[in-house]
Amino acid sequence: MPRVSIVYCPADCPPWEARLDLPSQATIGQALEQSGVLSAFAELRLDSISVGVFSLPRRLDDPVHEGDRIEIYRPLIVDPKEARRRRAELKRARAKAG
């Protein structure tokens, strides 16, 4: 029976965490369903959720292993390329004002 933890950090609430003992052939999707996170946070839907284990992306049908830390990822608010472009523009503007 692998023991795993599930972690979710919603934008407007403190981090949520659950620890579970699962059957040996359990999947990440089954762990999420059993943890109660899907009912606790209405914005999470199993068909569109992004997850990983220790920062490495995983699929819902991947098996769980003893000690796994299953992380639920929120969608990006700003595209990283766009954020970098804005920071570069701001830096150039500050250098000109200087």
PDB file of N, CA and C in Angstrom:
ATOM      1  N   MET A   1       0.845  -1.188   0.000  1.00  0.00           N
ATOM      2  CA  MET A   1       0.000   0.000   0.000  1.00  0.00           C
ATOM      3  C   MET A   1       0.882   1.241   0.000  1.00  0.00           C
ATOM      4  N   PRO A   2       1.000   1.907  -1.131  1.00  0.00           N
ATOM      5  CA  PRO A   2       1.804   3.124  -1.145  1.00  0.00           C
ATOM      6  C   PRO A   2       1.111   4.265  -0.387  1.00  0.00           C
ATOM      7  N   ARG A   3       1.915   5.018   0.344  1.00  0.00           N
ATOM      8  CA  ARG A   3       1.435   6.207   1.027  1.00  0.00           C
ATOM      9  C   ARG A   3       1.907   7.404   0.213  1.00  0.00           C
ATOM     10  N   VAL A   4       0.961   8.248  -0.202  1.00  0.00           N
ATOM     11  CA  VAL A   4       1.277   9.406  -1.032  1.00  0.00           C
ATOM     12  C   VAL A   4       0.675  10.655  -0.407  1.00  0.00           C
ATOM     13  N   SER A   5       1.164  11.811  -0.851  1.00  0.00           N
ATOM     14  CA  SER A   5       0.533  13.074  -0.471  1.00  0.00           C
ATOM     15  C   SER A   5       0.111  13.798  -1.738  1.00  0.00           C
ATOM     16  N   ILE A   6      -0.965  14.554  -1.606  1.00  0.00           N
ATOM     17  CA  ILE A   6      -1.498  15.335  -2.715  1.00  0.00           C
ATOM     18  C   ILE A   6      -1.507  16.783  -2.264  1.00  0.00           C
ATOM     19  N   VAL A   7      -0.969  17.658  -3.121  1.00  0.00           N
ATOM     20  CA  VAL A   7      -0.830  19.063  -2.768  1.00  0.00           C
ATOM     21  C   VAL A   7      -1.460  19.934  -3.844  1.00  0.00           C
ATOM     22  N   TYR A   8      -2.213  20.948  -3.397  1.00  0.00           N
ATOM     23  CA  TYR A   8      -2.786  21.937  -4.314  1.00  0.00           C
ATOM     24  C   TYR A   8      -2.687  23.296  -3.642  1.00  0.00           C
ATOM     25  N   CYS A   9      -2.194  24.280  -4.369  1.00  0.00           N
ATOM     26  CA  CYS A   9      -2.063  25.639  -3.843  1.00  0.00           C
ATOM     27  C   CYS A   9      -2.962  26.569  -4.648  1.00  0.00           C
ATOM     28  N   PRO A  10      -4.224  26.736  -4.221  1.00  0.00           N
ATOM     29  CA  PRO A  10      -5.109  27.646  -4.933  1.00  0.00           C
ATOM     30  C   PRO A  10      -4.629  29.088  -4.780  1.00  0.00           C
ATOM     31  N   ALA A  11      -5.015  29.934  -5.714  1.00  0.00           N
ATOM     32  CA  ALA A  11      -4.543  31.314  -5.722  1.00  0.00           C
ATOM     33  C   ALA A  11      -5.036  32.107  -4.520  1.00  0.00           C
ATOM     34  N   ASP A  12      -6.215  31.838  -4.039  1.00  0.00           N
ATOM     35  CA  ASP A  12      -6.828  32.680  -3.016  1.00  0.00           C
ATOM     36  C   ASP A  12      -7.011  31.994  -1.661  1.00  0.00           C
ATOM     37  N   CYS A  13      -6.385  30.847  -1.454  1.00  0.00           N
ATOM     38  CA  CYS A  13      -6.539  30.090  -0.204  1.00  0.00           C
ATOM     39  C   CYS A  13      -5.183  29.552   0.233  1.00  0.00           C
ATOM     40  N   PRO A  14      -5.091  29.142   1.487  1.00  0.00           N
ATOM     41  CA  PRO A  14      -3.853  28.469   1.912  1.00  0.00           C
ATOM     42  C   PRO A  14      -3.678  27.132   1.182  1.00  0.00           C
ATOM     43  N   PRO A  15      -2.474  26.622   1.125  1.00  0.00           N
ATOM     44  CA  PRO A  15      -2.244  25.331   0.460  1.00  0.00           C
ATOM     45  C   PRO A  15      -3.088  24.213   1.082  1.00  0.00           C
ATOM     46  N   TRP A  16      -3.517  23.297   0.223  1.00  0.00           N
ATOM     47  CA  TRP A  16      -4.318  22.145   0.635  1.00  0.00           C
ATOM     48  C   TRP A  16      -3.444  20.908   0.476  1.00  0.00           C
ATOM     49  N   GLU A  17      -3.477  20.028   1.462  1.00  0.00           N
ATOM     50  CA  GLU A  17      -2.684  18.807   1.372  1.00  0.00           C
ATOM     51  C   GLU A  17      -3.437  17.653   2.014  1.00  0.00           C
ATOM     52  N   ALA A  18      -3.299  16.486   1.424  1.00  0.00           N
ATOM     53  CA  ALA A  18      -3.893  15.262   1.978  1.00  0.00           C
ATOM     54  C   ALA A  18      -2.875  14.137   1.852  1.00  0.00           C
ATOM     55  N   ARG A  19      -2.899  13.246   2.797  1.00  0.00           N
ATOM     56  CA  ARG A  19      -2.052  12.044   2.751  1.00  0.00           C
ATOM     57  C   ARG A  19      -2.978  10.832   2.683  1.00  0.00           C
ATOM     58  N   LEU A  20      -2.635   9.896   1.800  1.00  0.00           N
ATOM     59  CA  LEU A  20      -3.485   8.726   1.571  1.00  0.00           C
ATOM     60  C   LEU A  20      -2.660   7.445   1.540  1.00  0.00           C
ATOM     61  N   ASP A  21      -3.278   6.370   1.972  1.00  0.00           N
ATOM     62  CA  ASP A  21      -2.765   5.026   1.732  1.00  0.00           C
ATOM     63  C   ASP A  21      -3.618   4.445   0.624  1.00  0.00           C
ATOM     64  N   LEU A  22      -2.990   4.001  -0.453  1.00  0.00           N
ATOM     65  CA  LEU A  22      -3.712   3.536  -1.635  1.00  0.00           C
ATOM     66  C   LEU A  22      -3.382   2.085  -1.939  1.00  0.00           C
ATOM     67  N   PRO A  23      -4.265   1.416  -2.677  1.00  0.00           N
ATOM     68  CA  PRO A  23      -3.945   0.054  -3.134  1.00  0.00           C
ATOM     69  C   PRO A  23      -2.699   0.076  -4.017  1.00  0.00           C
ATOM     70  N   SER A  24      -2.011  -1.016  -4.097  1.00  0.00           N
ATOM     71  CA  SER A  24      -0.720  -1.059  -4.790  1.00  0.00           C
ATOM     72  C   SER A  24      -0.810  -0.742  -6.285  1.00  0.00           C
ATOM     73  N   GLN A  25      -1.921  -0.946  -6.922  1.00  0.00           N
ATOM     74  CA  GLN A  25      -2.041  -0.666  -8.360  1.00  0.00           C
ATOM     75  C   GLN A  25      -2.772   0.643  -8.651  1.00  0.00           C
ATOM     76  N   ALA A  26      -2.894   1.522  -7.673  1.00  0.00           N
ATOM     77  CA  ALA A  26      -3.636   2.775  -7.848  1.00  0.00           C
ATOM     78  C   ALA A  26      -2.914   3.713  -8.812  1.00  0.00           C
ATOM     79  N   THR A  27      -3.698   4.544  -9.480  1.00  0.00           N
ATOM     80  CA  THR A  27      -3.161   5.540 -10.399  1.00  0.00           C
ATOM     81  C   THR A  27      -3.256   6.927  -9.770  1.00  0.00           C
ATOM     82  N   ILE A  28      -2.603   7.875 -10.401  1.00  0.00           N
ATOM     83  CA  ILE A  28      -2.663   9.254  -9.922  1.00  0.00           C
ATOM     84  C   ILE A  28      -4.103   9.761  -9.967  1.00  0.00           C
ATOM     85  N   GLY A  29      -4.836   9.455 -11.033  1.00  0.00           N
ATOM     86  CA  GLY A  29      -6.235   9.869 -11.127  1.00  0.00           C
ATOM     87  C   GLY A  29      -7.078   9.307  -9.993  1.00  0.00           C
ATOM     88  N   GLN A  30      -6.882   8.052  -9.661  1.00  0.00           N
ATOM     89  CA  GLN A  30      -7.620   7.444  -8.550  1.00  0.00           C
ATOM     90  C   GLN A  30      -7.250   8.106  -7.227  1.00  0.00           C
ATOM     91  N   ALA A  31      -5.981   8.447  -7.060  1.00  0.00           N
ATOM     92  CA  ALA A  31      -5.547   9.125  -5.839  1.00  0.00           C
ATOM     93  C   ALA A  31      -6.239  10.479  -5.701  1.00  0.00           C
ATOM     94  N   LEU A  32      -6.351  11.211  -6.807  1.00  0.00           N
ATOM     95  CA  LEU A  32      -7.026  12.509  -6.759  1.00  0.00           C
ATOM     96  C   LEU A  32      -8.498  12.346  -6.393  1.00  0.00           C
ATOM     97  N   GLU A  33      -9.149  11.358  -6.983  1.00  0.00           N
ATOM     98  CA  GLU A  33     -10.564  11.125  -6.683  1.00  0.00           C
ATOM     99  C   GLU A  33     -10.760  10.764  -5.212  1.00  0.00           C
ATOM    100  N   GLN A  34      -9.898   9.937  -4.669  1.00  0.00           N
ATOM    101  CA  GLN A  34     -10.045   9.497  -3.278  1.00  0.00           C
ATOM    102  C   GLN A  34      -9.647  10.571  -2.276  1.00  0.00           C
ATOM    103  N   SER A  35      -8.831  11.524  -2.680  1.00  0.00           N
ATOM    104  CA  SER A  35      -8.335  12.528  -1.742  1.00  0.00           C
ATOM    105  C   SER A  35      -9.389  13.546  -1.323  1.00  0.00           C
ATOM    106  N   GLY A  36     -10.389  13.779  -2.176  1.00  0.00           N
ATOM    107  CA  GLY A  36     -11.402  14.783  -1.887  1.00  0.00           C
ATOM    108  C   GLY A  36     -11.083  16.158  -2.438  1.00  0.00           C
ATOM    109  N   VAL A  37      -9.935  16.316  -3.089  1.00  0.00           N
ATOM    110  CA  VAL A  37      -9.551  17.623  -3.616  1.00  0.00           C
ATOM    111  C   VAL A  37     -10.505  18.092  -4.716  1.00  0.00           C
ATOM    112  N   LEU A  38     -11.038  17.173  -5.508  1.00  0.00           N
ATOM    113  CA  LEU A  38     -11.923  17.558  -6.603  1.00  0.00           C
ATOM    114  C   LEU A  38     -13.236  18.122  -6.090  1.00  0.00           C
ATOM    115  N   SER A  39     -13.721  17.621  -4.970  1.00  0.00           N
ATOM    116  CA  SER A  39     -14.958  18.158  -4.399  1.00  0.00           C
ATOM    117  C   SER A  39     -14.693  19.402  -3.562  1.00  0.00           C
ATOM    118  N   ALA A  40     -13.485  19.550  -3.041  1.00  0.00           N
ATOM    119  CA  ALA A  40     -13.155  20.721  -2.229  1.00  0.00           C
ATOM    120  C   ALA A  40     -12.939  21.974  -3.077  1.00  0.00           C
ATOM    121  N   PHE A  41     -12.524  21.786  -4.331  1.00  0.00           N
ATOM    122  CA  PHE A  41     -12.237  22.919  -5.211  1.00  0.00           C
ATOM    123  C   PHE A  41     -12.983  22.736  -6.533  1.00  0.00           C
ATOM    124  N   ALA A  42     -14.039  23.510  -6.703  1.00  0.00           N
ATOM    125  CA  ALA A  42     -14.907  23.365  -7.875  1.00  0.00           C
ATOM    126  C   ALA A  42     -14.184  23.645  -9.188  1.00  0.00           C
ATOM    127  N   GLU A  43     -13.117  24.436  -9.155  1.00  0.00           N
ATOM    128  CA  GLU A  43     -12.411  24.771 -10.392  1.00  0.00           C
ATOM    129  C   GLU A  43     -11.600  23.600 -10.948  1.00  0.00           C
ATOM    130  N   LEU A  44     -11.391  22.564 -10.145  1.00  0.00           N
ATOM    131  CA  LEU A  44     -10.616  21.404 -10.599  1.00  0.00           C
ATOM    132  C   LEU A  44     -11.532  20.373 -11.245  1.00  0.00           C
ATOM    133  N   ARG A  45     -11.174  19.988 -12.465  1.00  0.00           N
ATOM    134  CA  ARG A  45     -11.907  18.940 -13.177  1.00  0.00           C
ATOM    135  C   ARG A  45     -10.897  17.895 -13.617  1.00  0.00           C
ATOM    136  N   LEU A  46     -11.204  16.655 -13.344  1.00  0.00           N
ATOM    137  CA  LEU A  46     -10.280  15.569 -13.633  1.00  0.00           C
ATOM    138  C   LEU A  46      -9.923  15.488 -15.119  1.00  0.00           C
ATOM    139  N   ASP A  47     -10.834  15.873 -15.993  1.00  0.00           N
ATOM    140  CA  ASP A  47     -10.571  15.772 -17.437  1.00  0.00           C
ATOM    141  C   ASP A  47      -9.658  16.881 -17.967  1.00  0.00           C
ATOM    142  N   SER A  48      -9.371  17.900 -17.152  1.00  0.00           N
ATOM    143  CA  SER A  48      -8.529  18.994 -17.643  1.00  0.00           C
ATOM    144  C   SER A  48      -7.441  19.402 -16.646  1.00  0.00           C
ATOM    145  N   ILE A  49      -7.117  18.531 -15.741  1.00  0.00           N
ATOM    146  CA  ILE A  49      -6.169  18.851 -14.676  1.00  0.00           C
ATOM    147  C   ILE A  49      -4.740  18.529 -15.115  1.00  0.00           C
ATOM    148  N   SER A  50      -3.777  19.341 -14.666  1.00  0.00           N
ATOM    149  CA  SER A  50      -2.357  19.077 -14.911  1.00  0.00           C
ATOM    150  C   SER A  50      -1.722  18.679 -13.584  1.00  0.00           C
ATOM    151  N   VAL A  51      -0.987  17.582 -13.601  1.00  0.00           N
ATOM    152  CA  VAL A  51      -0.375  17.084 -12.369  1.00  0.00           C
ATOM    153  C   VAL A  51       1.079  16.702 -12.609  1.00  0.00           C
ATOM    154  N   GLY A  52       1.800  16.574 -11.506  1.00  0.00           N
ATOM    155  CA  GLY A  52       3.164  16.109 -11.564  1.00  0.00           C
ATOM    156  C   GLY A  52       3.526  15.455 -10.245  1.00  0.00           C
ATOM    157  N   VAL A  53       4.662  14.799 -10.233  1.00  0.00           N
ATOM    158  CA  VAL A  53       5.198  14.198  -9.012  1.00  0.00           C
ATOM    159  C   VAL A  53       6.593  14.769  -8.828  1.00  0.00           C
ATOM    160  N   PHE A  54       6.789  15.484  -7.730  1.00  0.00           N
ATOM    161  CA  PHE A  54       8.059  16.147  -7.451  1.00  0.00           C
ATOM    162  C   PHE A  54       8.507  16.989  -8.649  1.00  0.00           C
ATOM    163  N   SER A  55       7.594  17.810  -9.171  1.00  0.00           N
ATOM    164  CA  SER A  55       7.845  18.767 -10.257  1.00  0.00           C
ATOM    165  C   SER A  55       8.055  18.141 -11.633  1.00  0.00           C
ATOM    166  N   LEU A  56       7.848  16.846 -11.763  1.00  0.00           N
ATOM    167  CA  LEU A  56       7.950  16.201 -13.069  1.00  0.00           C
ATOM    168  C   LEU A  56       6.552  15.878 -13.565  1.00  0.00           C
ATOM    169  N   PRO A  57       6.171  16.372 -14.746  1.00  0.00           N
ATOM    170  CA  PRO A  57       4.814  16.134 -15.253  1.00  0.00           C
ATOM    171  C   PRO A  57       4.488  14.650 -15.347  1.00  0.00           C
ATOM    172  N   ARG A  58       3.259  14.319 -14.988  1.00  0.00           N
ATOM    173  CA  ARG A  58       2.772  12.939 -15.042  1.00  0.00           C
ATOM    174  C   ARG A  58       1.366  12.918 -15.626  1.00  0.00           C
ATOM    175  N   ARG A  59       0.957  11.729 -16.066  1.00  0.00           N
ATOM    176  CA  ARG A  59      -0.399  11.520 -16.575  1.00  0.00           C
ATOM    177  C   ARG A  59      -1.254  10.940 -15.460  1.00  0.00           C
ATOM    178  N   LEU A  60      -2.558  11.090 -15.600  1.00  0.00           N
ATOM    179  CA  LEU A  60      -3.482  10.583 -14.587  1.00  0.00           C
ATOM    180  C   LEU A  60      -3.484   9.068 -14.500  1.00  0.00           C
ATOM    181  N   ASP A  61      -3.113   8.381 -15.587  1.00  0.00           N
ATOM    182  CA  ASP A  61      -3.115   6.924 -15.548  1.00  0.00           C
ATOM    183  C   ASP A  61      -1.764   6.332 -15.129  1.00  0.00           C
ATOM    184  N   ASP A  62      -0.807   7.188 -14.745  1.00  0.00           N
ATOM    185  CA  ASP A  62       0.471   6.695 -14.222  1.00  0.00           C
ATOM    186  C   ASP A  62       0.253   6.113 -12.827  1.00  0.00           C
ATOM    187  N   PRO A  63       0.960   5.054 -12.490  1.00  0.00           N
ATOM    188  CA  PRO A  63       0.804   4.459 -11.153  1.00  0.00           C
ATOM    189  C   PRO A  63       1.451   5.340 -10.083  1.00  0.00           C
ATOM    190  N   VAL A  64       0.945   5.215  -8.866  1.00  0.00           N
ATOM    191  CA  VAL A  64       1.562   5.922  -7.735  1.00  0.00           C
ATOM    192  C   VAL A  64       2.605   5.012  -7.092  1.00  0.00           C
ATOM    193  N   HIS A  65       3.567   5.634  -6.438  1.00  0.00           N
ATOM    194  CA  HIS A  65       4.620   4.903  -5.748  1.00  0.00           C
ATOM    195  C   HIS A  65       4.741   5.438  -4.328  1.00  0.00           C
ATOM    196  N   GLU A  66       5.263   4.625  -3.461  1.00  0.00           N
ATOM    197  CA  GLU A  66       5.460   5.001  -2.065  1.00  0.00           C
ATOM    198  C   GLU A  66       6.201   6.335  -1.969  1.00  0.00           C
ATOM    199  N   GLY A  67       5.619   7.266  -1.194  1.00  0.00           N
ATOM    200  CA  GLY A  67       6.263   8.548  -0.951  1.00  0.00           C
ATOM    201  C   GLY A  67       6.043   9.605  -2.008  1.00  0.00           C
ATOM    202  N   ASP A  68       5.277   9.303  -3.072  1.00  0.00           N
ATOM    203  CA  ASP A  68       5.020  10.295  -4.115  1.00  0.00           C
ATOM    204  C   ASP A  68       4.356  11.534  -3.534  1.00  0.00           C
ATOM    205  N   ARG A  69       4.751  12.688  -4.054  1.00  0.00           N
ATOM    206  CA  ARG A  69       4.110  13.961  -3.728  1.00  0.00           C
ATOM    207  C   ARG A  69       3.435  14.423  -5.014  1.00  0.00           C
ATOM    208  N   ILE A  70       2.138  14.178  -5.102  1.00  0.00           N
ATOM    209  CA  ILE A  70       1.372  14.500  -6.302  1.00  0.00           C
ATOM    210  C   ILE A  70       0.975  15.975  -6.223  1.00  0.00           C
ATOM    211  N   GLU A  71       1.406  16.754  -7.208  1.00  0.00           N
ATOM    212  CA  GLU A  71       1.163  18.189  -7.233  1.00  0.00           C
ATOM    213  C   GLU A  71       0.144  18.517  -8.316  1.00  0.00           C
ATOM    214  N   ILE A  72      -0.828  19.328  -7.968  1.00  0.00           N
ATOM    215  CA  ILE A  72      -1.830  19.783  -8.929  1.00  0.00           C
ATOM    216  C   ILE A  72      -1.421  21.183  -9.358  1.00  0.00           C
ATOM    217  N   TYR A  73      -1.281  21.381 -10.667  1.00  0.00           N
ATOM    218  CA  TYR A  73      -0.808  22.654 -11.197  1.00  0.00           C
ATOM    219  C   TYR A  73      -1.970  23.520 -11.672  1.00  0.00           C
ATOM    220  N   ARG A  74      -1.888  24.814 -11.323  1.00  0.00           N
ATOM    221  CA  ARG A  74      -2.863  25.787 -11.805  1.00  0.00           C
ATOM    222  C   ARG A  74      -2.455  26.234 -13.202  1.00  0.00           C
ATOM    223  N   PRO A  75      -3.415  26.689 -14.002  1.00  0.00           N
ATOM    224  CA  PRO A  75      -3.053  27.225 -15.314  1.00  0.00           C
ATOM    225  C   PRO A  75      -2.237  28.510 -15.150  1.00  0.00           C
ATOM    226  N   LEU A  76      -1.376  28.787 -16.107  1.00  0.00           N
ATOM    227  CA  LEU A  76      -0.588  30.015 -16.077  1.00  0.00           C
ATOM    228  C   LEU A  76      -1.503  31.212 -16.281  1.00  0.00           C
ATOM    229  N   ILE A  77      -1.257  32.275 -15.521  1.00  0.00           N
ATOM    230  CA  ILE A  77      -2.038  33.498 -15.668  1.00  0.00           C
ATOM    231  C   ILE A  77      -1.468  34.344 -16.801  1.00  0.00           C
ATOM    232  N   VAL A  78      -0.142  34.389 -16.894  1.00  0.00           N
ATOM    233  CA  VAL A  78       0.549  35.160 -17.920  1.00  0.00           C
ATOM    234  C   VAL A  78       1.498  34.228 -18.653  1.00  0.00           C
ATOM    235  N   ASP A  79       1.520  34.353 -19.963  1.00  0.00           N
ATOM    236  CA  ASP A  79       2.449  33.581 -20.772  1.00  0.00           C
ATOM    237  C   ASP A  79       3.880  33.974 -20.391  1.00  0.00           C
ATOM    238  N   PRO A  80       4.750  33.012 -20.083  1.00  0.00           N
ATOM    239  CA  PRO A  80       6.117  33.343 -19.664  1.00  0.00           C
ATOM    240  C   PRO A  80       6.882  34.195 -20.681  1.00  0.00           C
ATOM    241  N   LYS A  81       6.669  33.966 -21.958  1.00  0.00           N
ATOM    242  CA  LYS A  81       7.349  34.774 -22.979  1.00  0.00           C
ATOM    243  C   LYS A  81       6.882  36.223 -22.924  1.00  0.00           C
ATOM    244  N   GLU A  82       5.592  36.410 -22.729  1.00  0.00           N
ATOM    245  CA  GLU A  82       5.041  37.761 -22.633  1.00  0.00           C
ATOM    246  C   GLU A  82       5.560  38.470 -21.382  1.00  0.00           C
ATOM    247  N   ALA A  83       5.643  37.764 -20.268  1.00  0.00           N
ATOM    248  CA  ALA A  83       6.153  38.358 -19.030  1.00  0.00           C
ATOM    249  C   ALA A  83       7.606  38.782 -19.202  1.00  0.00           C
ATOM    250  N   ARG A  84       8.399  37.963 -19.852  1.00  0.00           N
ATOM    251  CA  ARG A  84       9.806  38.303 -20.081  1.00  0.00           C
ATOM    252  C   ARG A  84       9.919  39.535 -20.981  1.00  0.00           C
ATOM    253  N   ARG A  85       9.094  39.597 -22.023  1.00  0.00           N
ATOM    254  CA  ARG A  85       9.106  40.752 -22.934  1.00  0.00           C
ATOM    255  C   ARG A  85       8.771  42.037 -22.174  1.00  0.00           C
ATOM    256  N   ARG A  86       7.770  41.982 -21.297  1.00  0.00           N
ATOM    257  CA  ARG A  86       7.386  43.162 -20.510  1.00  0.00           C
ATOM    258  C   ARG A  86       8.500  43.598 -19.566  1.00  0.00           C
ATOM    259  N   ARG A  87       9.165  42.631 -18.939  1.00  0.00           N
ATOM    260  CA  ARG A  87      10.279  42.981 -18.043  1.00  0.00           C
ATOM    261  C   ARG A  87      11.419  43.636 -18.820  1.00  0.00           C
ATOM    262  N   ALA A  88      11.708  43.131 -20.013  1.00  0.00           N
ATOM    263  CA  ALA A  88      12.774  43.712 -20.836  1.00  0.00           C
ATOM    264  C   ALA A  88      12.415  45.132 -21.257  1.00  0.00           C
ATOM    265  N   GLU A  89      11.168  45.368 -21.634  1.00  0.00           N
ATOM    266  CA  GLU A  89      10.733  46.719 -22.001  1.00  0.00           C
ATOM    267  C   GLU A  89      10.848  47.673 -20.817  1.00  0.00           C
ATOM    268  N   LEU A  90      10.452  47.213 -19.651  1.00  0.00           N
ATOM    269  CA  LEU A  90      10.540  48.032 -18.452  1.00  0.00           C
ATOM    270  C   LEU A  90      12.001  48.360 -18.121  1.00  0.00           C
ATOM    271  N   LYS A  91      12.867  47.397 -18.280  1.00  0.00           N
ATOM    272  CA  LYS A  91      14.295  47.631 -18.018  1.00  0.00           C
ATOM    273  C   LYS A  91      14.868  48.657 -18.990  1.00  0.00           C
ATOM    274  N   ARG A  92      14.496  48.567 -20.266  1.00  0.00           N
ATOM    275  CA  ARG A  92      14.965  49.527 -21.261  1.00  0.00           C
ATOM    276  C   ARG A  92      14.439  50.920 -20.943  1.00  0.00           C
ATOM    277  N   ALA A  93      13.171  51.007 -20.549  1.00  0.00           N
ATOM    278  CA  ALA A  93      12.591  52.300 -20.221  1.00  0.00           C
ATOM    279  C   ALA A  93      13.286  52.940 -19.019  1.00  0.00           C
ATOM    280  N   ARG A  94      13.600  52.138 -18.029  1.00  0.00           N
ATOM    281  CA  ARG A  94      14.300  52.663 -16.840  1.00  0.00           C
ATOM    282  C   ARG A  94      15.724  53.116 -17.203  1.00  0.00           C
ATOM    283  N   ALA A  95      16.368  52.375 -18.081  1.00  0.00           N
ATOM    284  CA  ALA A  95      17.730  52.748 -18.496  1.00  0.00           C
ATOM    285  C   ALA A  95      17.717  54.080 -19.238  1.00  0.00           C
ATOM    286  N   LYS A  96      16.705  54.325 -20.073  1.00  0.00           N
ATOM    287  CA  LYS A  96      16.594  55.595 -20.804  1.00  0.00           C
ATOM    288  C   LYS A  96      16.330  56.746 -19.851  1.00  0.00           C
ATOM    289  N   ALA A  97      15.491  56.505 -18.861  1.00  0.00           N
ATOM    290  CA  ALA A  97      15.107  57.555 -17.913  1.00  0.00           C
ATOM    291  C   ALA A  97      16.258  57.886 -16.970  1.00  0.00           C
ATOM    292  N   GLY A  98      17.154  56.988 -16.837  1.00  0.00           N
ATOM    293  CA  GLY A  98      18.154  57.079 -16.009  1.00  0.00           C
ATOM    294  C   GLY A  98      19.094  57.360 -15.145  1.00  0.00           C
TER     295      GLY A  98
END
